[in-house]
């Protein structure tokens, strides 16, 4: 069963073979490394760039203008701040041209904490990204969803930013990608590059099939009545774990929504769940000031004020300049399992 990095790699291979992907590129994306998280190993169209985020995005736009379908990578989302103005340009091209010019670029970048990456490799970018009008923003929490969202991004005529939670890139899914072998070791032998000399290595790709996750569709991964939990990316599995623990120990059950798409997002699912439970907790690891979760909370209050039984709440990362290398800094900078469990308990037990 594939991990998330393997799932992304297989989606890109499917894109090369079936969806017209012309270029996969970025810093260390091509041989011999195939990406710092190995998500681009063995791809026929993969090539390396200088350490130049502005050059990467500008090249992607140029390839798209010329009729190509590029996928590029910013090695860590911390360095996406170098190209905010270019993101804005890419996002307005279809709108400014009245639909006359497509901008089918996919930008992948690892996101968030969880690997002790310290100041320059632990940032979360989804709140900034949500302000990029004209872009679609997605963040998977499982390998199968990563495969499906990357395929959706490749097919889209708009620019799509795929935020990959770096702490989950080695997490295996319990579900199979259509066409992958059931044996994880067999899959590794087929598509993982060997350690050492790779000059003669070529992957043996499985016969993969289409599995597209519609951008803008959330998934209800747990059902309950004591509250609604909205999350995505790295913290989604922790929300599921906390909800399962409270269901087992205290018979308090929750709707747990995996948003999957930051924009456009599945307001219909959120709204239906809030109407059912009347209690809402929004969880993510981005910093707490002007956080995307605050937008969701504002809309919930605007449209469901009289449907709420208790105040809606958020659980977010601390508003600090960065995350230190020491594990105590990281553990106290972004929500952990115990924080989520406590917040869920408070949500379920507050008197209406």
C-alpha atoms as a PDB file:
ATOM      1  CA  UNK A   1       0.000   0.000   0.000  1.00  0.00           C
ATOM      2  CA  UNK A   2       1.493   3.291  -1.140  1.00  0.00           C
ATOM      3  CA  UNK A   3       2.741   6.069   1.065  1.00  0.00           C
ATOM      4  CA  UNK A   4       1.941   9.644   0.088  1.00  0.00           C
ATOM      5  CA  UNK A   5       5.238  10.308  -1.694  1.00  0.00           C
ATOM      6  CA  UNK A   6       4.767   7.166  -3.807  1.00  0.00           C
ATOM      7  CA  UNK A   7       1.167   8.192  -4.521  1.00  0.00           C
ATOM      8  CA  UNK A   8       2.260  11.599  -5.814  1.00  0.00           C
ATOM      9  CA  UNK A   9       4.929   9.939  -7.948  1.00  0.00           C
ATOM     10  CA  UNK A  10       2.412   7.509  -9.448  1.00  0.00           C
ATOM     11  CA  UNK A  11      -0.034  10.332 -10.134  1.00  0.00           C
ATOM     12  CA  UNK A  12       2.660  12.266 -11.986  1.00  0.00           C
ATOM     13  CA  UNK A  13       3.548   9.164 -14.002  1.00  0.00           C
ATOM     14  CA  UNK A  14      -0.132   8.733 -14.874  1.00  0.00           C
ATOM     15  CA  UNK A  15      -0.176  12.397 -15.857  1.00  0.00           C
ATOM     16  CA  UNK A  16       2.833  11.923 -18.144  1.00  0.00           C
ATOM     17  CA  UNK A  17       1.303   8.865 -19.789  1.00  0.00           C
ATOM     18  CA  UNK A  18      -2.350   9.855 -20.056  1.00  0.00           C
ATOM     19  CA  UNK A  19      -2.925  13.553 -19.285  1.00  0.00           C
ATOM     20  CA  UNK A  20      -0.324  15.371 -21.348  1.00  0.00           C
ATOM     21  CA  UNK A  21       2.098  16.424 -18.602  1.00  0.00           C
ATOM     22  CA  UNK A  22       5.068  17.839 -20.479  1.00  0.00           C
ATOM     23  CA  UNK A  23       7.489  18.839 -17.711  1.00  0.00           C
ATOM     24  CA  UNK A  24       8.077  18.011 -14.035  1.00  0.00           C
ATOM     25  CA  UNK A  25      10.795  20.238 -12.617  1.00  0.00           C
ATOM     26  CA  UNK A  26      12.257  22.005  -9.615  1.00  0.00           C
ATOM     27  CA  UNK A  27      15.248  21.913  -7.295  1.00  0.00           C
ATOM     28  CA  UNK A  28      16.555  18.303  -7.136  1.00  0.00           C
ATOM     29  CA  UNK A  29      13.339  17.095  -8.802  1.00  0.00           C
ATOM     30  CA  UNK A  30      15.113  15.249 -11.626  1.00  0.00           C
ATOM     31  CA  UNK A  31      17.742  12.504 -11.451  1.00  0.00           C
ATOM     32  CA  UNK A  32      19.551  11.345  -9.471  1.00  0.00           C
ATOM     33  CA  UNK A  33      17.596  12.426  -6.363  1.00  0.00           C
ATOM     34  CA  UNK A  34      14.027  12.601  -7.614  1.00  0.00           C
ATOM     35  CA  UNK A  35      12.953  15.155  -5.010  1.00  0.00           C
ATOM     36  CA  UNK A  36      13.994  15.610  -1.393  1.00  0.00           C
ATOM     37  CA  UNK A  37      11.016  13.432  -0.398  1.00  0.00           C
ATOM     38  CA  UNK A  38      11.432  11.120  -3.469  1.00  0.00           C
ATOM     39  CA  UNK A  39       8.069  12.190  -4.923  1.00  0.00           C
ATOM     40  CA  UNK A  40       9.483  12.577  -8.459  1.00  0.00           C
ATOM     41  CA  UNK A  41      11.786   9.574  -8.826  1.00  0.00           C
ATOM     42  CA  UNK A  42      11.779   7.799 -12.165  1.00  0.00           C
ATOM     43  CA  UNK A  43       9.637  10.287 -14.094  1.00  0.00           C
ATOM     44  CA  UNK A  44      10.495  10.656 -17.781  1.00  0.00           C
ATOM     45  CA  UNK A  45       9.854  14.403 -17.923  1.00  0.00           C
ATOM     46  CA  UNK A  46      11.576  15.340 -14.637  1.00  0.00           C
ATOM     47  CA  UNK A  47      14.486  17.779 -14.687  1.00  0.00           C
ATOM     48  CA  UNK A  48      16.467  19.907 -12.273  1.00  0.00           C
ATOM     49  CA  UNK A  49      16.502  23.676 -11.904  1.00  0.00           C
ATOM     50  CA  UNK A  50      18.787  26.102 -10.099  1.00  0.00           C
ATOM     51  CA  UNK A  51      17.785  27.196  -6.590  1.00  0.00           C
ATOM     52  CA  UNK A  52      15.537  29.915  -7.968  1.00  0.00           C
ATOM     53  CA  UNK A  53      11.856  29.877  -7.052  1.00  0.00           C
ATOM     54  CA  UNK A  54      11.098  32.858  -9.280  1.00  0.00           C
ATOM     55  CA  UNK A  55      12.705  31.117 -12.224  1.00  0.00           C
ATOM     56  CA  UNK A  56      10.684  27.970 -11.502  1.00  0.00           C
ATOM     57  CA  UNK A  57       7.308  29.733 -11.473  1.00  0.00           C
ATOM     58  CA  UNK A  58       8.187  31.940 -14.438  1.00  0.00           C
ATOM     59  CA  UNK A  59       9.267  28.896 -16.438  1.00  0.00           C
ATOM     60  CA  UNK A  60       6.039  27.076 -15.557  1.00  0.00           C
ATOM     61  CA  UNK A  61       3.983  30.023 -16.767  1.00  0.00           C
ATOM     62  CA  UNK A  62       5.980  30.183 -19.998  1.00  0.00           C
ATOM     63  CA  UNK A  63       5.513  26.472 -20.665  1.00  0.00           C
ATOM     64  CA  UNK A  64       1.780  26.835 -20.059  1.00  0.00           C
ATOM     65  CA  UNK A  65       1.544  29.841 -22.386  1.00  0.00           C
ATOM     66  CA  UNK A  66       3.270  27.755 -25.075  1.00  0.00           C
ATOM     67  CA  UNK A  67       0.673  24.998 -24.756  1.00  0.00           C
ATOM     68  CA  UNK A  68       2.451  22.701 -22.302  1.00  0.00           C
ATOM     69  CA  UNK A  69       1.136  21.229 -19.085  1.00  0.00           C
ATOM     70  CA  UNK A  70       3.856  21.666 -16.449  1.00  0.00           C
ATOM     71  CA  UNK A  71       4.149  20.453 -12.869  1.00  0.00           C
ATOM     72  CA  UNK A  72       6.785  22.235 -10.801  1.00  0.00           C
ATOM     73  CA  UNK A  73       7.913  22.052  -7.209  1.00  0.00           C
ATOM     74  CA  UNK A  74       8.984  24.620  -4.662  1.00  0.00           C
ATOM     75  CA  UNK A  75      11.167  22.476  -2.446  1.00  0.00           C
ATOM     76  CA  UNK A  76       9.648  23.777   0.817  1.00  0.00           C
ATOM     77  CA  UNK A  77       6.673  26.093   1.146  1.00  0.00           C
ATOM     78  CA  UNK A  78       8.742  28.475   3.290  1.00  0.00           C
ATOM     79  CA  UNK A  79      10.301  29.667   0.021  1.00  0.00           C
ATOM     80  CA  UNK A  80       6.964  30.325  -1.668  1.00  0.00           C
ATOM     81  CA  UNK A  81       7.131  33.809  -0.144  1.00  0.00           C
ATOM     82  CA  UNK A  82       9.784  34.561  -2.784  1.00  0.00           C
ATOM     83  CA  UNK A  83       7.137  34.350  -5.534  1.00  0.00           C
ATOM     84  CA  UNK A  84       3.944  35.851  -4.106  1.00  0.00           C
ATOM     85  CA  UNK A  85       3.778  38.475  -6.856  1.00  0.00           C
ATOM     86  CA  UNK A  86       4.225  35.797  -9.532  1.00  0.00           C
ATOM     87  CA  UNK A  87       1.497  33.694  -7.942  1.00  0.00           C
ATOM     88  CA  UNK A  88      -0.756  36.729  -8.278  1.00  0.00           C
ATOM     89  CA  UNK A  89       0.099  37.070 -11.966  1.00  0.00           C
ATOM     90  CA  UNK A  90      -0.515  33.392 -12.663  1.00  0.00           C
ATOM     91  CA  UNK A  91      -3.822  33.575 -10.816  1.00  0.00           C
ATOM     92  CA  UNK A  92      -5.233  36.458 -12.808  1.00  0.00           C
ATOM     93  CA  UNK A  93      -4.419  35.298 -16.350  1.00  0.00           C
ATOM     94  CA  UNK A  94      -7.645  33.409 -17.143  1.00  0.00           C
ATOM     95  CA  UNK A  95      -9.747  36.125 -15.503  1.00  0.00           C
ATOM     96  CA  UNK A  96      -7.917  39.008 -17.192  1.00  0.00           C
ATOM     97  CA  UNK A  97      -8.193  37.344 -20.604  1.00  0.00           C
ATOM     98  CA  UNK A  98     -11.879  36.540 -20.253  1.00  0.00           C
ATOM     99  CA  UNK A  99     -11.043  32.852 -20.382  1.00  0.00           C
ATOM    100  CA  UNK A 100      -8.901  33.296 -23.494  1.00  0.00           C
ATOM    101  CA  UNK A 101      -5.677  32.039 -21.894  1.00  0.00           C
ATOM    102  CA  UNK A 102      -5.570  28.946 -19.716  1.00  0.00           C
ATOM    103  CA  UNK A 103      -2.919  28.649 -17.018  1.00  0.00           C
ATOM    104  CA  UNK A 104      -2.721  24.867 -16.385  1.00  0.00           C
ATOM    105  CA  UNK A 105       0.212  24.855 -13.998  1.00  0.00           C
ATOM    106  CA  UNK A 106       0.521  22.651 -10.936  1.00  0.00           C
ATOM    107  CA  UNK A 107       2.813  23.794  -8.142  1.00  0.00           C
ATOM    108  CA  UNK A 108       3.631  21.219  -5.466  1.00  0.00           C
ATOM    109  CA  UNK A 109       5.292  22.132  -2.196  1.00  0.00           C
ATOM    110  CA  UNK A 110       5.797  20.363   1.157  1.00  0.00           C
ATOM    111  CA  UNK A 111       3.918  22.115   3.948  1.00  0.00           C
ATOM    112  CA  UNK A 112       3.818  22.294   7.712  1.00  0.00           C
ATOM    113  CA  UNK A 113       5.694  20.967  10.699  1.00  0.00           C
ATOM    114  CA  UNK A 114       6.289  17.507  12.085  1.00  0.00           C
ATOM    115  CA  UNK A 115       9.825  16.666  10.889  1.00  0.00           C
ATOM    116  CA  UNK A 116      11.874  18.957  13.176  1.00  0.00           C
ATOM    117  CA  UNK A 117      12.611  21.179  10.188  1.00  0.00           C
ATOM    118  CA  UNK A 118      13.266  24.315  12.249  1.00  0.00           C
ATOM    119  CA  UNK A 119      12.794  27.890  11.074  1.00  0.00           C
ATOM    120  CA  UNK A 120      13.039  27.501   7.292  1.00  0.00           C
ATOM    121  CA  UNK A 121      11.431  24.111   6.703  1.00  0.00           C
ATOM    122  CA  UNK A 122       8.367  24.042   8.984  1.00  0.00           C
ATOM    123  CA  UNK A 123       6.075  26.811   7.779  1.00  0.00           C
ATOM    124  CA  UNK A 124       2.418  26.388   6.881  1.00  0.00           C
ATOM    125  CA  UNK A 125       1.305  28.242   3.773  1.00  0.00           C
ATOM    126  CA  UNK A 126      -2.408  27.507   3.345  1.00  0.00           C
ATOM    127  CA  UNK A 127      -3.674  30.756   4.872  1.00  0.00           C
ATOM    128  CA  UNK A 128      -1.468  32.826   2.591  1.00  0.00           C
ATOM    129  CA  UNK A 129      -2.431  30.606  -0.343  1.00  0.00           C
ATOM    130  CA  UNK A 130      -6.158  31.042   0.330  1.00  0.00           C
ATOM    131  CA  UNK A 131      -5.737  34.739  -0.537  1.00  0.00           C
ATOM    132  CA  UNK A 132      -4.419  33.980  -4.041  1.00  0.00           C
ATOM    133  CA  UNK A 133      -7.490  34.714  -6.125  1.00  0.00           C
ATOM    134  CA  UNK A 134      -7.579  32.613  -9.282  1.00  0.00           C
ATOM    135  CA  UNK A 135      -5.747  29.671  -7.717  1.00  0.00           C
ATOM    136  CA  UNK A 136      -7.159  26.414  -6.446  1.00  0.00           C
ATOM    137  CA  UNK A 137      -5.529  25.139  -3.253  1.00  0.00           C
ATOM    138  CA  UNK A 138      -5.595  21.519  -2.093  1.00  0.00           C
ATOM    139  CA  UNK A 139      -4.012  19.581   0.770  1.00  0.00           C
ATOM    140  CA  UNK A 140      -4.403  15.794   1.103  1.00  0.00           C
ATOM    141  CA  UNK A 141      -4.201  13.843   4.336  1.00  0.00           C
ATOM    142  CA  UNK A 142      -3.844  10.371   2.772  1.00  0.00           C
ATOM    143  CA  UNK A 143      -2.028   8.715  -0.112  1.00  0.00           C
ATOM    144  CA  UNK A 144      -5.202   7.904  -2.049  1.00  0.00           C
ATOM    145  CA  UNK A 145      -6.401  11.502  -1.814  1.00  0.00           C
ATOM    146  CA  UNK A 146      -2.956  12.757  -2.816  1.00  0.00           C
ATOM    147  CA  UNK A 147      -3.157  10.630  -5.962  1.00  0.00           C
ATOM    148  CA  UNK A 148      -6.668  11.835  -6.750  1.00  0.00           C
ATOM    149  CA  UNK A 149      -6.024  15.508  -6.028  1.00  0.00           C
ATOM    150  CA  UNK A 150      -2.830  15.591  -8.112  1.00  0.00           C
ATOM    151  CA  UNK A 151      -4.753  14.109 -11.057  1.00  0.00           C
ATOM    152  CA  UNK A 152      -7.475  16.722 -10.586  1.00  0.00           C
ATOM    153  CA  UNK A 153      -4.847  19.469 -10.455  1.00  0.00           C
ATOM    154  CA  UNK A 154      -3.216  18.262 -13.688  1.00  0.00           C
ATOM    155  CA  UNK A 155      -6.567  18.262 -15.499  1.00  0.00           C
ATOM    156  CA  UNK A 156      -7.568  21.757 -14.335  1.00  0.00           C
ATOM    157  CA  UNK A 157      -7.114  24.762 -16.665  1.00  0.00           C
ATOM    158  CA  UNK A 158      -6.448  26.982 -13.637  1.00  0.00           C
ATOM    159  CA  UNK A 159      -3.258  27.119 -11.582  1.00  0.00           C
ATOM    160  CA  UNK A 160      -3.429  24.674  -8.682  1.00  0.00           C
ATOM    161  CA  UNK A 161      -1.236  24.664  -5.576  1.00  0.00           C
ATOM    162  CA  UNK A 162      -0.824  21.196  -4.044  1.00  0.00           C
ATOM    163  CA  UNK A 163       0.302  21.517  -0.425  1.00  0.00           C
ATOM    164  CA  UNK A 164       1.803  18.224   0.735  1.00  0.00           C
ATOM    165  CA  UNK A 165       1.982  17.719   4.510  1.00  0.00           C
ATOM    166  CA  UNK A 166       5.606  16.717   4.819  1.00  0.00           C
ATOM    167  CA  UNK A 167       5.059  14.755   8.046  1.00  0.00           C
ATOM    168  CA  UNK A 168       2.627  12.456   6.167  1.00  0.00           C
ATOM    169  CA  UNK A 169       4.721  11.835   3.055  1.00  0.00           C
ATOM    170  CA  UNK A 170       5.885   8.493   4.470  1.00  0.00           C
ATOM    171  CA  UNK A 171       2.444   7.558   5.869  1.00  0.00           C
ATOM    172  CA  UNK A 172       0.864   4.546   4.170  1.00  0.00           C
ATOM    173  CA  UNK A 173      -2.792   4.421   3.237  1.00  0.00           C
ATOM    174  CA  UNK A 174      -5.003   1.470   4.115  1.00  0.00           C
ATOM    175  CA  UNK A 175      -6.661   1.835   0.698  1.00  0.00           C
ATOM    176  CA  UNK A 176      -5.138   0.903  -2.641  1.00  0.00           C
ATOM    177  CA  UNK A 177      -4.623   3.273  -5.526  1.00  0.00           C
ATOM    178  CA  UNK A 178      -6.341   1.698  -8.557  1.00  0.00           C
ATOM    179  CA  UNK A 179      -3.738  -0.443 -10.277  1.00  0.00           C
ATOM    180  CA  UNK A 180      -1.096  -0.570  -7.533  1.00  0.00           C
ATOM    181  CA  UNK A 181      -0.046  -3.969  -6.142  1.00  0.00           C
ATOM    182  CA  UNK A 182      -1.413  -4.871  -2.719  1.00  0.00           C
ATOM    183  CA  UNK A 183       2.039  -5.757  -1.398  1.00  0.00           C
ATOM    184  CA  UNK A 184       3.923  -2.653  -0.224  1.00  0.00           C
ATOM    185  CA  UNK A 185       7.311  -4.341  -0.660  1.00  0.00           C
ATOM    186  CA  UNK A 186       6.472  -5.260  -4.241  1.00  0.00           C
ATOM    187  CA  UNK A 187       5.485  -1.659  -4.973  1.00  0.00           C
ATOM    188  CA  UNK A 188       8.753  -0.440  -3.479  1.00  0.00           C
ATOM    189  CA  UNK A 189      10.766  -2.842  -5.659  1.00  0.00           C
ATOM    190  CA  UNK A 190       8.878  -1.566  -8.705  1.00  0.00           C
ATOM    191  CA  UNK A 191       9.074   2.208  -8.273  1.00  0.00           C
ATOM    192  CA  UNK A 192      11.564   3.157  -5.516  1.00  0.00           C
ATOM    193  CA  UNK A 193      15.072   3.981  -6.697  1.00  0.00           C
ATOM    194  CA  UNK A 194      17.872   1.949  -5.088  1.00  0.00           C
ATOM    195  CA  UNK A 195      20.300   3.486  -2.645  1.00  0.00           C
ATOM    196  CA  UNK A 196      23.614   4.237  -4.311  1.00  0.00           C
ATOM    197  CA  UNK A 197      24.259   4.215  -8.049  1.00  0.00           C
ATOM    198  CA  UNK A 198      21.048   4.854 -10.006  1.00  0.00           C
ATOM    199  CA  UNK A 199      22.468   5.492 -13.451  1.00  0.00           C
ATOM    200  CA  UNK A 200      20.991   2.296 -14.934  1.00  0.00           C
ATOM    201  CA  UNK A 201      17.818   2.191 -12.840  1.00  0.00           C
ATOM    202  CA  UNK A 202      14.377   2.551 -14.367  1.00  0.00           C
ATOM    203  CA  UNK A 203      11.048   2.121 -12.583  1.00  0.00           C
ATOM    204  CA  UNK A 204       8.621  -0.658 -13.444  1.00  0.00           C
ATOM    205  CA  UNK A 205       5.358   1.244 -13.208  1.00  0.00           C
ATOM    206  CA  UNK A 206       2.156  -0.636 -12.374  1.00  0.00           C
ATOM    207  CA  UNK A 207      -0.798  -0.257 -14.747  1.00  0.00           C
ATOM    208  CA  UNK A 208      -2.404   2.628 -12.921  1.00  0.00           C
ATOM    209  CA  UNK A 209      -5.976   3.768 -13.412  1.00  0.00           C
ATOM    210  CA  UNK A 210      -7.738   7.096 -13.118  1.00  0.00           C
ATOM    211  CA  UNK A 211      -8.948   8.114  -9.673  1.00  0.00           C
ATOM    212  CA  UNK A 212      -9.755  11.818  -9.568  1.00  0.00           C
ATOM    213  CA  UNK A 213     -10.809  13.578  -6.380  1.00  0.00           C
ATOM    214  CA  UNK A 214     -12.910  16.573  -7.326  1.00  0.00           C
ATOM    215  CA  UNK A 215     -11.356  19.829  -6.163  1.00  0.00           C
ATOM    216  CA  UNK A 216     -13.754  21.440  -3.711  1.00  0.00           C
ATOM    217  CA  UNK A 217     -15.124  18.176  -2.290  1.00  0.00           C
ATOM    218  CA  UNK A 218     -14.568  17.313   1.361  1.00  0.00           C
ATOM    219  CA  UNK A 219     -14.839  13.865   2.934  1.00  0.00           C
ATOM    220  CA  UNK A 220     -16.764  12.962   6.070  1.00  0.00           C
ATOM    221  CA  UNK A 221     -14.337  10.515   7.677  1.00  0.00           C
ATOM    222  CA  UNK A 222     -16.205  10.069  10.986  1.00  0.00           C
ATOM    223  CA  UNK A 223     -19.867  10.627  11.849  1.00  0.00           C
ATOM    224  CA  UNK A 224     -21.252  11.758  15.189  1.00  0.00           C
ATOM    225  CA  UNK A 225     -23.650  14.030  17.015  1.00  0.00           C
ATOM    226  CA  UNK A 226     -21.642  15.835  19.720  1.00  0.00           C
ATOM    227  CA  UNK A 227     -19.794  18.261  17.448  1.00  0.00           C
ATOM    228  CA  UNK A 228     -18.218  19.000  14.078  1.00  0.00           C
ATOM    229  CA  UNK A 229     -14.434  18.949  13.613  1.00  0.00           C
ATOM    230  CA  UNK A 230     -13.026  20.533  10.445  1.00  0.00           C
ATOM    231  CA  UNK A 231      -9.401  19.890   9.542  1.00  0.00           C
ATOM    232  CA  UNK A 232      -7.059  18.823   6.745  1.00  0.00           C
ATOM    233  CA  UNK A 233      -3.484  17.773   6.081  1.00  0.00           C
ATOM    234  CA  UNK A 234      -1.205  16.665   8.911  1.00  0.00           C
ATOM    235  CA  UNK A 235      -3.652  17.273  11.755  1.00  0.00           C
ATOM    236  CA  UNK A 236      -6.563  15.401  10.188  1.00  0.00           C
ATOM    237  CA  UNK A 237      -5.316  11.960  11.350  1.00  0.00           C
ATOM    238  CA  UNK A 238      -4.844  13.380  14.862  1.00  0.00           C
ATOM    239  CA  UNK A 239      -8.416  14.708  14.827  1.00  0.00           C
ATOM    240  CA  UNK A 240      -9.641  11.256  13.807  1.00  0.00           C
ATOM    241  CA  UNK A 241      -7.594   9.620  16.567  1.00  0.00           C
ATOM    242  CA  UNK A 242      -8.870  12.046  19.202  1.00  0.00           C
ATOM    243  CA  UNK A 243     -12.484  11.580  18.062  1.00  0.00           C
ATOM    244  CA  UNK A 244     -12.120   7.794  18.142  1.00  0.00           C
ATOM    245  CA  UNK A 245     -10.648   7.901  21.646  1.00  0.00           C
ATOM    246  CA  UNK A 246     -13.507  10.026  22.988  1.00  0.00           C
ATOM    247  CA  UNK A 247     -16.077   7.810  21.267  1.00  0.00           C
ATOM    248  CA  UNK A 248     -14.566   4.717  22.855  1.00  0.00           C
ATOM    249  CA  UNK A 249     -13.937   6.115  26.326  1.00  0.00           C
ATOM    250  CA  UNK A 250     -16.855   8.528  26.747  1.00  0.00           C
ATOM    251  CA  UNK A 251     -19.383   7.719  23.996  1.00  0.00           C
ATOM    252  CA  UNK A 252     -18.992  11.229  22.557  1.00  0.00           C
ATOM    253  CA  UNK A 253     -19.054  11.021  18.766  1.00  0.00           C
ATOM    254  CA  UNK A 254     -18.128  13.693  16.228  1.00  0.00           C
ATOM    255  CA  UNK A 255     -18.442  14.521  12.571  1.00  0.00           C
ATOM    256  CA  UNK A 256     -14.824  14.762  11.372  1.00  0.00           C
ATOM    257  CA  UNK A 257     -14.540  16.564   8.040  1.00  0.00           C
ATOM    258  CA  UNK A 258     -11.397  16.272   5.932  1.00  0.00           C
ATOM    259  CA  UNK A 259     -11.636  19.476   3.931  1.00  0.00           C
ATOM    260  CA  UNK A 260      -9.083  18.341   1.302  1.00  0.00           C
ATOM    261  CA  UNK A 261      -9.563  21.599  -0.647  1.00  0.00           C
ATOM    262  CA  UNK A 262      -8.711  24.927   0.944  1.00  0.00           C
ATOM    263  CA  UNK A 263     -10.233  26.760  -2.005  1.00  0.00           C
ATOM    264  CA  UNK A 264     -12.763  26.164  -3.289  1.00  0.00           C
ATOM    265  CA  UNK A 265     -13.980  24.409  -0.151  1.00  0.00           C
ATOM    266  CA  UNK A 266     -17.025  22.244   0.486  1.00  0.00           C
ATOM    267  CA  UNK A 267     -19.348  24.669   2.240  1.00  0.00           C
ATOM    268  CA  UNK A 268     -22.303  22.349   1.673  1.00  0.00           C
ATOM    269  CA  UNK A 269     -20.796  19.597   3.821  1.00  0.00           C
ATOM    270  CA  UNK A 270     -19.735  22.063   6.523  1.00  0.00           C
ATOM    271  CA  UNK A 271     -23.179  23.651   6.627  1.00  0.00           C
ATOM    272  CA  UNK A 272     -25.037  20.346   6.863  1.00  0.00           C
ATOM    273  CA  UNK A 273     -22.810  19.166   9.696  1.00  0.00           C
ATOM    274  CA  UNK A 274     -23.178  22.403  11.668  1.00  0.00           C
ATOM    275  CA  UNK A 275     -26.959  22.197  11.337  1.00  0.00           C
ATOM    276  CA  UNK A 276     -26.801  18.639  12.709  1.00  0.00           C
ATOM    277  CA  UNK A 277     -24.413  19.121  15.650  1.00  0.00           C
ATOM    278  CA  UNK A 278     -24.573  22.823  16.562  1.00  0.00           C
ATOM    279  CA  UNK A 279     -20.960  22.677  17.780  1.00  0.00           C
ATOM    280  CA  UNK A 280     -17.836  23.383  15.709  1.00  0.00           C
ATOM    281  CA  UNK A 281     -14.070  23.104  16.143  1.00  0.00           C
ATOM    282  CA  UNK A 282     -11.674  24.070  13.327  1.00  0.00           C
ATOM    283  CA  UNK A 283      -8.148  22.631  13.622  1.00  0.00           C
ATOM    284  CA  UNK A 284      -4.994  23.416  11.657  1.00  0.00           C
ATOM    285  CA  UNK A 285      -1.300  24.093  12.271  1.00  0.00           C
ATOM    286  CA  UNK A 286      -0.960  27.482  10.567  1.00  0.00           C
ATOM    287  CA  UNK A 287      -0.359  30.531  12.768  1.00  0.00           C
ATOM    288  CA  UNK A 288      -3.403  31.891  14.521  1.00  0.00           C
ATOM    289  CA  UNK A 289      -3.592  35.491  13.266  1.00  0.00           C
ATOM    290  CA  UNK A 290      -5.471  35.835   9.928  1.00  0.00           C
ATOM    291  CA  UNK A 291      -5.636  32.047   9.763  1.00  0.00           C
ATOM    292  CA  UNK A 292      -7.805  30.390   7.091  1.00  0.00           C
ATOM    293  CA  UNK A 293      -9.708  28.724   9.928  1.00  0.00           C
ATOM    294  CA  UNK A 294     -10.812  32.170  11.088  1.00  0.00           C
ATOM    295  CA  UNK A 295     -12.485  32.697   7.714  1.00  0.00           C
ATOM    296  CA  UNK A 296     -14.409  29.440   8.138  1.00  0.00           C
ATOM    297  CA  UNK A 297     -15.418  30.446  11.669  1.00  0.00           C
ATOM    298  CA  UNK A 298     -16.613  33.860  10.458  1.00  0.00           C
ATOM    299  CA  UNK A 299     -18.746  32.291   7.742  1.00  0.00           C
ATOM    300  CA  UNK A 300     -20.205  29.759  10.161  1.00  0.00           C
ATOM    301  CA  UNK A 301     -21.165  32.592  12.516  1.00  0.00           C
ATOM    302  CA  UNK A 302     -22.589  34.665   9.649  1.00  0.00           C
ATOM    303  CA  UNK A 303     -24.744  31.888   8.217  1.00  0.00           C
ATOM    304  CA  UNK A 304     -25.457  29.669  11.244  1.00  0.00           C
ATOM    305  CA  UNK A 305     -25.433  31.958  14.269  1.00  0.00           C
ATOM    306  CA  UNK A 306     -28.853  30.819  15.456  1.00  0.00           C
ATOM    307  CA  UNK A 307     -28.098  27.165  14.740  1.00  0.00           C
ATOM    308  CA  UNK A 308     -25.124  27.049  17.133  1.00  0.00           C
ATOM    309  CA  UNK A 309     -25.585  25.562  20.604  1.00  0.00           C
ATOM    310  CA  UNK A 310     -22.242  26.862  21.923  1.00  0.00           C
ATOM    311  CA  UNK A 311     -19.584  29.233  20.655  1.00  0.00           C
ATOM    312  CA  UNK A 312     -17.591  27.944  17.649  1.00  0.00           C
ATOM    313  CA  UNK A 313     -13.880  27.705  18.240  1.00  0.00           C
ATOM    314  CA  UNK A 314     -10.516  27.214  16.573  1.00  0.00           C
ATOM    315  CA  UNK A 315      -7.333  25.384  17.497  1.00  0.00           C
ATOM    316  CA  UNK A 316      -4.341  26.713  15.558  1.00  0.00           C
ATOM    317  CA  UNK A 317      -0.595  27.182  15.671  1.00  0.00           C
ATOM    318  CA  UNK A 318       0.966  29.840  17.859  1.00  0.00           C
ATOM    319  CA  UNK A 319       1.671  33.235  16.295  1.00  0.00           C
ATOM    320  CA  UNK A 320       5.452  32.926  16.402  1.00  0.00           C
ATOM    321  CA  UNK A 321       8.025  33.784  13.688  1.00  0.00           C
ATOM    322  CA  UNK A 322       9.026  30.165  13.209  1.00  0.00           C
ATOM    323  CA  UNK A 323       9.366  26.746  14.794  1.00  0.00           C
ATOM    324  CA  UNK A 324      12.615  25.976  16.600  1.00  0.00           C
ATOM    325  CA  UNK A 325      14.678  22.841  16.067  1.00  0.00           C
ATOM    326  CA  UNK A 326      14.254  21.626  19.634  1.00  0.00           C
ATOM    327  CA  UNK A 327      11.250  19.309  19.839  1.00  0.00           C
ATOM    328  CA  UNK A 328       9.822  21.252  22.773  1.00  0.00           C
ATOM    329  CA  UNK A 329       9.496  24.317  20.540  1.00  0.00           C
ATOM    330  CA  UNK A 330       7.644  22.343  17.905  1.00  0.00           C
ATOM    331  CA  UNK A 331       5.418  20.507  20.369  1.00  0.00           C
ATOM    332  CA  UNK A 332       4.368  23.813  21.891  1.00  0.00           C
ATOM    333  CA  UNK A 333       4.033  25.734  18.619  1.00  0.00           C
ATOM    334  CA  UNK A 334       1.470  23.623  16.753  1.00  0.00           C
ATOM    335  CA  UNK A 335      -1.498  21.587  18.079  1.00  0.00           C
ATOM    336  CA  UNK A 336      -0.746  18.066  19.281  1.00  0.00           C
ATOM    337  CA  UNK A 337      -3.010  15.079  19.943  1.00  0.00           C
ATOM    338  CA  UNK A 338      -3.596  16.048  23.571  1.00  0.00           C
ATOM    339  CA  UNK A 339      -4.554  19.595  22.591  1.00  0.00           C
ATOM    340  CA  UNK A 340      -7.088  18.307  20.080  1.00  0.00           C
ATOM    341  CA  UNK A 341      -8.524  15.776  22.520  1.00  0.00           C
ATOM    342  CA  UNK A 342      -8.982  18.459  25.180  1.00  0.00           C
ATOM    343  CA  UNK A 343     -10.572  20.884  22.719  1.00  0.00           C
ATOM    344  CA  UNK A 344     -13.016  18.197  21.544  1.00  0.00           C
ATOM    345  CA  UNK A 345     -13.951  17.326  25.113  1.00  0.00           C
ATOM    346  CA  UNK A 346     -14.581  20.966  25.944  1.00  0.00           C
ATOM    347  CA  UNK A 347     -16.662  21.367  22.797  1.00  0.00           C
ATOM    348  CA  UNK A 348     -18.826  18.325  23.564  1.00  0.00           C
ATOM    349  CA  UNK A 349     -19.359  19.068  27.253  1.00  0.00           C
ATOM    350  CA  UNK A 350     -19.983  22.832  27.260  1.00  0.00           C
ATOM    351  CA  UNK A 351     -23.518  23.545  28.431  1.00  0.00           C
ATOM    352  CA  UNK A 352     -25.799  24.933  25.719  1.00  0.00           C
END
